[in-house]
Structure formats: structure tokens, C-alpha cells
Protein backbone atom coordinates (compact mmCIF):
# COMPACT_ATOMS: atom_id res chain seq x y z
CA MET A 1 -0.18 0.11 -0.02
CA ALA A 2 2.83 2.44 0.91
CA ASN A 3 4.34 1.87 -2.38
CA PHE A 4 1.30 2.38 -4.26
CA LEU A 5 0.81 5.72 -2.57
CA SER A 6 4.53 6.68 -3.32
CA GLN A 7 3.74 5.85 -7.07
CA LEU A 8 0.77 7.98 -7.01
CA ALA A 9 2.66 10.94 -5.38
CA ILE A 10 5.15 10.81 -8.01
CA ALA A 11 2.50 10.44 -10.81
CA ALA A 12 0.97 13.72 -9.57
CA LEU A 13 4.20 15.68 -9.70
CA LEU A 14 4.57 14.82 -13.08
CA ILE A 15 1.38 16.57 -14.10
CA THR A 16 2.77 19.74 -14.84
CA PRO A 17 0.89 23.25 -15.23
CA ALA A 18 1.56 23.11 -18.71
CA THR A 19 0.19 19.61 -19.25
CA LEU A 20 -2.93 20.87 -17.51
CA ALA A 21 -3.22 23.73 -19.58
CA VAL A 22 -3.12 21.89 -22.77
CA ALA A 23 -5.94 19.98 -21.58
CA GLN A 24 -8.33 23.06 -21.04
CA SER A 25 -10.59 23.50 -24.10
CA SER A 26 -13.40 25.97 -22.48
CA GLY A 27 -13.36 28.70 -19.92
CA SER A 28 -13.98 32.11 -19.04
CA GLY A 29 -11.63 35.07 -19.76
CA LYS A 30 -11.32 38.68 -21.21
CA THR A 31 -10.79 40.38 -24.18
CA THR A 32 -8.30 43.21 -25.45
CA ARG A 33 -7.54 44.58 -28.99
CA TYR A 34 -4.49 45.49 -30.70
CA TRP A 35 -3.02 46.31 -34.34
CA ASP A 36 0.72 46.66 -34.46
CA CYS A 37 1.06 45.86 -38.24
CA CYS A 38 4.16 43.21 -37.42
CA LYS A 39 4.28 39.81 -39.01
CA PRO A 40 2.24 37.61 -36.90
CA SER A 41 4.10 35.38 -34.91
CA CYS A 42 2.37 32.26 -36.47
CA ALA A 43 3.41 33.21 -39.78
CA TRP A 44 7.06 31.67 -39.40
CA ASN A 45 7.98 28.44 -41.16
CA GLY A 46 8.58 25.14 -38.78
CA ILE A 47 5.92 25.26 -36.70
CA LYS A 48 4.55 21.56 -36.27
CA GLY A 49 1.12 20.71 -36.63
CA LEU A 50 0.05 23.20 -39.29
CA THR A 51 -0.99 22.94 -42.74
CA ALA A 52 1.18 26.11 -43.53
CA PRO A 53 2.46 29.59 -41.66
CA VAL A 54 -0.07 32.19 -41.32
CA LYS A 55 0.05 34.42 -44.47
CA SER A 56 1.95 37.85 -44.37
CA CYS A 57 2.28 40.80 -46.35
CA ASP A 58 4.97 43.22 -47.63
CA LYS A 59 4.63 47.04 -47.10
CA TYR A 60 2.34 47.78 -49.72
CA ASP A 61 -0.24 45.09 -48.33
CA LYS A 62 0.66 42.46 -51.13
CA PRO A 63 1.12 38.72 -49.93
CA LEU A 64 4.53 37.44 -49.34
CA ASN A 65 5.91 34.30 -50.22
CA ASP A 66 8.68 34.24 -48.30
CA VAL A 67 8.02 32.65 -45.13
CA THR A 68 11.39 33.54 -43.68
CA ALA A 69 10.89 37.15 -44.41
CA GLN A 70 11.90 39.21 -41.20
CA SER A 71 9.09 40.99 -39.41
CA GLY A 72 8.82 44.98 -40.35
CA CYS A 73 8.93 45.26 -36.69
CA ALA A 74 12.35 44.32 -36.73
CA GLY A 75 13.82 46.01 -39.70
CA GLY A 76 12.24 43.56 -42.45
CA THR A 77 9.87 43.28 -45.09
CA ALA A 78 6.67 41.29 -43.50
CA TYR A 79 3.93 42.86 -42.12
CA MET A 80 0.45 41.89 -41.14
CA CYS A 81 -2.17 41.47 -43.94
CA SER A 82 -4.89 44.11 -43.87
CA ASN A 83 -7.72 41.28 -44.71
CA GLN A 84 -6.72 39.80 -41.14
CA SER A 85 -9.40 42.09 -39.67
CA PRO A 86 -12.48 41.25 -38.22
CA TRP A 87 -15.73 40.98 -40.08
CA ALA A 88 -19.48 40.84 -39.43
CA VAL A 89 -21.06 37.69 -40.65
CA SER A 90 -24.69 38.69 -39.05
CA ASP A 91 -25.97 40.73 -36.47
CA SER A 92 -24.96 38.27 -33.77
CA LEU A 93 -21.88 36.39 -35.23
CA ALA A 94 -18.38 37.71 -36.16
CA TYR A 95 -15.04 36.21 -37.18
CA GLY A 96 -11.79 37.41 -36.59
CA PHE A 97 -8.30 36.88 -35.68
CA ALA A 98 -6.50 37.37 -32.25
CA ALA A 99 -3.46 36.98 -30.24
CA VAL A 100 -3.09 34.62 -27.29
CA THR A 101 -0.79 34.09 -24.34
CA SER A 102 2.90 33.10 -25.26
CA ALA A 103 2.84 31.14 -21.92
CA LYS A 104 0.44 28.20 -23.76
CA PRO A 105 0.17 29.08 -27.55
CA THR A 106 -1.69 26.99 -30.21
CA CYS A 107 -1.00 28.51 -33.34
CA CYS A 108 -4.12 28.52 -35.85
CA GLN A 109 -6.60 27.31 -33.46
CA CYS A 110 -9.86 28.62 -33.36
CA TYR A 111 -11.92 29.63 -30.54
CA GLN A 112 -15.49 30.55 -29.94
CA LEU A 113 -16.04 33.47 -27.93
CA THR A 114 -19.20 34.20 -26.22
CA PHE A 115 -19.39 37.98 -25.06
CA THR A 116 -20.87 38.40 -21.40
CA SER A 117 -20.49 42.04 -20.59
CA GLY A 118 -20.91 45.32 -21.79
CA PRO A 119 -23.35 46.30 -24.97
CA ILE A 120 -22.50 43.03 -27.13
CA SER A 121 -23.17 40.55 -24.30
CA GLY A 122 -24.62 37.22 -25.96
CA LYS A 123 -22.94 37.94 -29.25
CA LYS A 124 -20.51 35.49 -30.55
CA MET A 125 -17.21 35.77 -32.39
CA ILE A 126 -14.81 33.06 -33.67
CA VAL A 127 -11.21 33.95 -33.77
CA GLN A 128 -8.35 32.17 -34.89
CA ALA A 129 -5.13 32.42 -33.05
CA THR A 130 -2.43 33.93 -35.24
CA ASN A 131 -0.05 35.62 -32.96
CA THR A 132 1.07 35.39 -29.25
CA GLY A 133 2.57 37.90 -26.72
CA THR A 134 3.96 37.75 -23.29
CA ASP A 135 1.74 40.70 -22.29
CA VAL A 136 -1.31 38.53 -23.06
CA ALA A 137 -2.70 36.90 -20.05
CA THR A 138 -3.86 33.53 -19.75
CA ASN A 139 -7.41 33.09 -21.03
CA SER A 140 -7.17 36.57 -22.80
CA PHE A 141 -7.97 37.01 -26.45
CA ASP A 142 -6.13 40.26 -27.83
CA ILE A 143 -8.46 40.90 -30.85
CA ALA A 144 -6.83 42.11 -33.97
CA MET A 145 -8.38 45.20 -35.43
CA PRO A 146 -7.10 48.00 -37.02
CA GLY A 147 -6.85 51.29 -34.57
CA GLY A 148 -7.04 49.12 -31.58
CA GLY A 149 -3.52 50.06 -30.29
CA PHE A 150 0.03 49.33 -31.20
CA GLY A 151 0.92 47.58 -28.02
CA ILE A 152 4.53 46.93 -27.50
CA PHE A 153 5.75 47.05 -31.15
CA ASP A 154 4.78 49.58 -33.90
CA GLY A 155 5.22 48.40 -37.64
CA CYS A 156 2.29 50.68 -38.54
CA SER A 157 4.36 53.87 -38.53
CA THR A 158 6.71 52.27 -41.12
CA GLU A 159 4.01 50.51 -43.23
CA TRP A 160 1.16 53.00 -43.31
CA LYS A 161 2.87 56.29 -41.67
CA ALA A 162 0.55 56.14 -38.84
CA THR A 163 0.20 59.17 -36.48
CA PRO A 164 -0.93 59.10 -33.02
CA ALA A 165 -3.50 62.02 -33.91
CA ILE A 166 -5.29 59.20 -36.28
CA TRP A 167 -4.26 55.99 -34.64
CA GLY A 168 -4.80 57.11 -30.80
CA ALA A 169 -3.14 55.73 -27.71
CA GLN A 170 -0.46 52.88 -27.80
CA TYR A 171 -2.78 50.94 -25.54
CA GLY A 172 -6.57 50.95 -26.85
CA GLY A 173 -6.10 53.17 -30.06
CA PRO A 174 -8.39 55.98 -30.36
CA SER A 175 -11.16 57.31 -28.04
CA THR A 176 -13.25 58.03 -31.06
CA ASN A 177 -14.01 56.83 -34.23
CA THR A 178 -11.10 58.17 -36.61
CA CYS A 179 -11.46 55.30 -39.03
CA SER A 180 -12.21 57.53 -42.11
CA SER A 181 -8.53 58.95 -41.83
CA PHE A 182 -7.19 55.53 -41.82
CA PRO A 183 -5.99 53.98 -44.86
CA THR A 184 -8.41 52.58 -47.00
CA ALA A 185 -7.90 48.97 -46.72
CA LEU A 186 -7.77 49.22 -42.92
CA GLN A 187 -11.13 51.04 -42.55
CA PRO A 188 -13.70 48.34 -42.48
CA GLY A 189 -11.69 46.40 -39.57
CA CYS A 190 -11.67 49.89 -37.73
CA ASN A 191 -15.35 50.42 -38.38
CA PHE A 192 -15.85 46.96 -36.63
CA ARG A 193 -15.11 48.24 -33.15
CA TRP A 194 -17.57 50.73 -33.52
CA GLY A 195 -20.05 49.15 -35.50
CA TRP A 196 -20.65 45.28 -34.74
CA MET A 197 -18.68 45.65 -31.21
CA GLN A 198 -20.94 48.91 -30.62
CA GLY A 199 -17.87 50.24 -29.09
CA ALA A 200 -17.36 47.77 -26.21
CA ASP A 201 -14.20 48.04 -24.30
CA ASN A 202 -12.58 44.82 -23.32
CA PRO A 203 -15.76 42.44 -22.90
CA ASP A 204 -15.59 39.47 -21.08
CA VAL A 205 -16.30 36.23 -22.45
CA LYS A 206 -16.64 32.45 -22.19
CA TRP A 207 -14.18 30.44 -24.68
CA GLU A 208 -14.62 27.42 -26.20
CA MET A 209 -12.09 25.46 -28.73
CA VAL A 210 -13.65 24.92 -31.96
CA THR A 211 -12.85 23.72 -35.65
CA CYS A 212 -11.93 26.72 -37.92
CA PRO A 213 -14.76 28.21 -40.22
CA ALA A 214 -13.10 27.67 -43.81
CA ALA A 215 -13.90 31.54 -44.15
CA ILE A 216 -11.28 32.13 -41.52
CA THR A 217 -8.55 29.51 -42.88
CA GLU A 218 -8.74 31.05 -46.39
CA VAL A 219 -7.58 34.36 -45.23
CA SER A 220 -4.75 33.32 -43.06
CA GLY A 221 -3.92 30.36 -45.11
CA CYS A 222 -3.22 28.52 -41.87
CA SER A 223 -5.09 25.48 -40.08
CA VAL A 224 -4.24 22.75 -37.76
CA SER A 225 -3.31 19.52 -39.41
CA GLY A 226 -6.02 17.09 -39.56
CA GLN A 227 -8.86 19.58 -38.64
CA ALA A 228 -10.73 20.05 -41.86
CA PRO A 229 -12.02 23.58 -41.69
CA THR A 230 -16.04 23.46 -42.13
CA GLY A 231 -18.56 25.67 -44.00
CA PRO A 232 -17.81 27.77 -47.17
CA SER A 233 -14.77 29.39 -47.63
CA SER A 234 -16.10 32.70 -47.90
CA VAL A 235 -18.82 34.51 -45.90
CA SER A 236 -20.09 37.53 -47.00
CA SER A 237 -20.55 40.25 -44.44
CA ARG A 238 -22.93 43.66 -44.66
CA SER A 239 -21.33 46.95 -45.61
CA SER A 240 -22.95 50.00 -43.90
CA SER A 241 -21.98 53.01 -41.84
CA SER A 242 -20.08 52.50 -38.68
CA SER A 243 -23.33 52.36 -36.51
CA SER A 244 -24.26 48.87 -37.91
CA PHE A 245 -22.26 46.18 -39.85
CA THR A 246 -18.92 46.54 -41.30
CA PRO A 247 -17.36 44.72 -44.40
CA GLY A 248 -14.98 42.20 -43.89
CA PRO A 249 -11.88 40.82 -45.84
CA ALA A 250 -13.23 40.97 -49.32
CA PRO A 251 -15.34 38.00 -49.57
CA ALA A 252 -16.43 36.78 -52.77
CA SER A 253 -19.73 34.88 -52.38
CA SER A 254 -22.94 35.44 -50.41
CA ALA A 255 -22.69 32.03 -48.99
CA SER A 256 -23.99 31.90 -45.47
CA ALA A 257 -22.06 30.96 -42.67
CA SER A 258 -21.69 27.35 -41.64
CA SER A 259 -23.59 26.37 -38.48
CA SER A 260 -21.71 23.39 -37.80
CA ILE A 261 -18.77 24.58 -35.98
CA SER A 262 -17.55 21.67 -33.63
CA PRO A 263 -15.69 22.08 -30.32
CA VAL A 264 -12.37 20.27 -30.18
CA ALA A 265 -11.24 17.49 -28.08
CA VAL A 266 -8.06 18.21 -26.35
CA SER A 267 -5.57 15.71 -24.92
CA SER A 268 -3.70 16.14 -21.77
CA SER A 269 -0.58 14.24 -23.08
CA SER A 270 2.29 16.14 -25.25
CA SER A 271 5.64 15.39 -26.44
CA ALA A 272 8.39 17.87 -27.10
CA ARG A 273 10.10 18.63 -30.63
CA SER A 274 12.67 20.77 -31.63
CA SER A 275 12.05 23.66 -34.24
CA PRO A 276 14.54 25.54 -36.74
CA THR A 277 17.23 27.78 -35.06
CA PRO A 278 16.28 31.38 -35.84
CA SER A 279 18.71 32.94 -38.13
CA SER A 280 21.07 36.01 -37.00
CA SER A 281 18.75 38.11 -38.34
CA SER A 282 15.91 37.18 -36.07
CA THR A 283 17.42 39.10 -33.12
CA TYR A 284 15.19 42.02 -32.23
CA VAL A 285 16.02 44.80 -29.68
CA GLU A 286 12.78 45.78 -27.77
CA PRO A 287 11.91 49.73 -27.69
CA ALA A 288 12.08 51.41 -24.83
CA SER A 289 8.81 51.73 -24.10
CA SER A 290 7.08 48.50 -22.43
CA ALA A 291 3.50 47.33 -22.12
CA PRO A 292 1.68 46.67 -18.64
CA ALA A 293 2.51 43.42 -17.00
CA ALA A 294 0.77 40.17 -18.51
CA SER A 295 -1.80 40.42 -15.21
CA THR A 296 -2.81 43.70 -16.29
CA TYR A 297 -5.97 43.69 -18.54
CA HIS A 298 -5.00 46.70 -21.17
CA SER A 299 -6.78 47.76 -24.41
CA SER A 300 -4.07 46.43 -26.43
CA THR A 301 -1.36 44.18 -26.56
CA THR A 302 1.07 42.81 -29.42
CA ALA A 303 2.90 39.62 -29.81
CA GLU A 304 5.34 40.47 -32.53
CA ALA A 305 9.03 40.81 -31.86
CA GLY A 306 10.39 39.80 -35.12
CA SER A 307 11.50 36.42 -34.34
CA PRO A 308 10.42 32.64 -35.18
CA PRO A 309 8.07 31.15 -32.40
CA ALA A 310 10.04 30.07 -29.59
CA SER A 311 7.51 27.31 -28.65
CA ALA A 312 4.25 26.21 -30.40
CA THR A 313 1.82 23.74 -29.60
CA VAL A 314 -1.24 22.51 -31.71
CA THR A 315 -3.96 19.80 -31.18
CA SER A 316 -4.75 17.11 -33.80
CA PRO A 317 -8.13 15.86 -34.27
CA ALA A 318 -6.36 12.29 -32.70
CA SER A 319 -6.66 14.38 -29.54
CA SER A 320 -2.78 14.48 -29.26
CA ALA A 321 -0.79 17.84 -28.68
CA GLU A 322 2.84 18.56 -30.25
CA SER A 323 4.84 21.09 -28.53
CA GLU A 324 8.12 22.50 -29.93
CA SER A 325 11.00 24.96 -28.97
CA ALA A 326 13.62 26.87 -29.92
CA PRO A 327 16.06 29.18 -28.80
CA GLN A 328 14.45 32.48 -27.22
CA PRO A 329 15.23 35.87 -28.89
CA THR A 330 16.79 38.82 -27.10
CA ASP A 331 13.59 40.39 -26.87
CA THR A 332 11.25 40.14 -23.86
CA GLU A 333 8.23 39.28 -26.19
CA ASP A 334 7.62 35.64 -26.96
CA ASP A 335 6.64 34.87 -30.56
CA THR A 336 4.87 31.66 -30.39
CA CYS A 337 1.58 30.80 -31.19
CA GLU A 338 -3.27 28.15 -26.95
CA LEU A 339 -5.19 28.58 -24.09
């Protein structure tokens, strides 16, 4: 009996917090907002368990084919694509992209958020994790939307010649709707905050891991290997003033959104793998300004430090989780891509 209890105690010690985190597939949390224009951390090559890295664009918002291109936030040529902005599918459903905590990353996993506070309580939004950051709290989703604030890093001043007068505060962006002064390609996503979200400021959510809609993966170019996206590859959104709907990333058809979004089963097991070693050009020196601590909910965060992911975990439909690690960059922001 004593031997059995000893073995049981040892087994309990082997269940690490990371293992428990991987097993979590739903919960309650918070949302913030950001748009730093940097190359998404899930856009780097070599992340296991993905069909392809997230797409990135050049300074002129044209798709880049070179997944090794350095982030514009580190002096490189790769930036976030404007069509990775959120869009309304209906009065009660929206699609988009988000950064999640780098402590427990899951690149390209989708999450269904049900808002539980503020003027949009009851509405749902499905977001795909395309970016991460050390300043994103656990169970927090930093929704990517133009005008959401740069956060730690700013690639928008280089890509779009952004100014504080229009783009607002580093954390949270403008306090009033200045979207008409944004670059044309970013105006729909900017208006999303004032339209579909009704100006909601960091609303609370209940979240659940789900299979990605094809309309989302069509934009990002990324999905979890073995998780077949559901529904049509494009979902139309309505275009109108900021008081109502805001258009999404150029959907071509009027197909309706799929109602067959499925929860994702998550395993508590994981296995370590190694990923490519970053090149010397991956080194990035953090700007003098710093973000609030990860435990502080703020209006905007960012997750791009111009280097490949330091760790990444993805969940396959076979309910197995893979984790990988690479040398840490010299900055304090982790470029990984889970909750």
C-alpha cells in the first residue's frame, strides 16, 4: 500500500501546469484589442502540426511568399495583412483573428467567444490564434482590429505612416471613431469596433475551442493539420456605416456561415520537438517603451517581436498535442503561437 501511494504521489508531480493547460478546451476570460502591423508570430516556417504558416504581406499590403522574411517590426519586409481584420457575419456572429498568451500557445487554433459583458453581451465571435505575446494574460484574447492600439511594437508607422492623432493611444487606440482617416484597406476593420462591437471596451467572454470555419482559414492560409475547416470558404458581410455592420476581408460570395462549428477535443498528453534555429537576423531589440504586466488587462497588446516562435503547441483531431521549442530571441516578447 505504501509503495502504491508513493507511485501515486510521483505521478501527481509529473502532471505539470503546462499539461493541465493543454487539456483545457473551454473557460472564461477577457478580450483586449490591438493592431501593430507586425508579422504574426504564427507566420514563421517550421511550426509543427500546421498545414502552412499564417500569411503575411509586404509594406504595400501584397502577399509575401517568403515565410522567412523578417518582421517589419524588426527592420524586415513582412507585415500583417489588412484582410486579417475582423468582420461581421450577422448581427450576432463575427469572425476574426487574435493573439493569445505565449505561455501556452496554439497557432491557428480557433476559439468561439461568447461575450458576457457590455453592449454586445450574448453575441458570438470566432477567432483564430495567429499571434501571441507575453503581455497577453492567460484566458485572454487580444482581438486584431485596426485602430486597436499598437501595444509593445509598432510596424504601422513604417507601413502606413501612422500618427497618434489618427491611430490614438499605444494601448487602446483612438477614443473616438477616426476610421475615415485610416488607410482605405484598414477602414472596414477599424469600423468593426464602432459598429458590430458597439464600442465595447475589453468585454468578458466565455470561450470554447472549435474547428475553424473555412472562411477564416481561407484568409490566414493556416489551419491545424487534420482539422478540416467547416463551411464555405467565404462568408459575405454587410457593408454600412459604423453604426451597424462593417465589411470583412473581401468575401466573394454570398454564402451563409456554417452552423456546424464543432468543439475540439483536447488531450492532456504532449511531446517535445525541436524547431528550426532562428537566424541571426531574427534578433530584435525591444523599444524603450514597455507594455503593462501580463496580469494587467489593457486595451491593446502585441505579440510580434520579429523572430520565429520560441514554442508552439497545436492539437490534432487524434487528440494529441505537440509542443516544440527553439532558442529564445533577445527581446522580452515571445513569438509563439493556445489556451
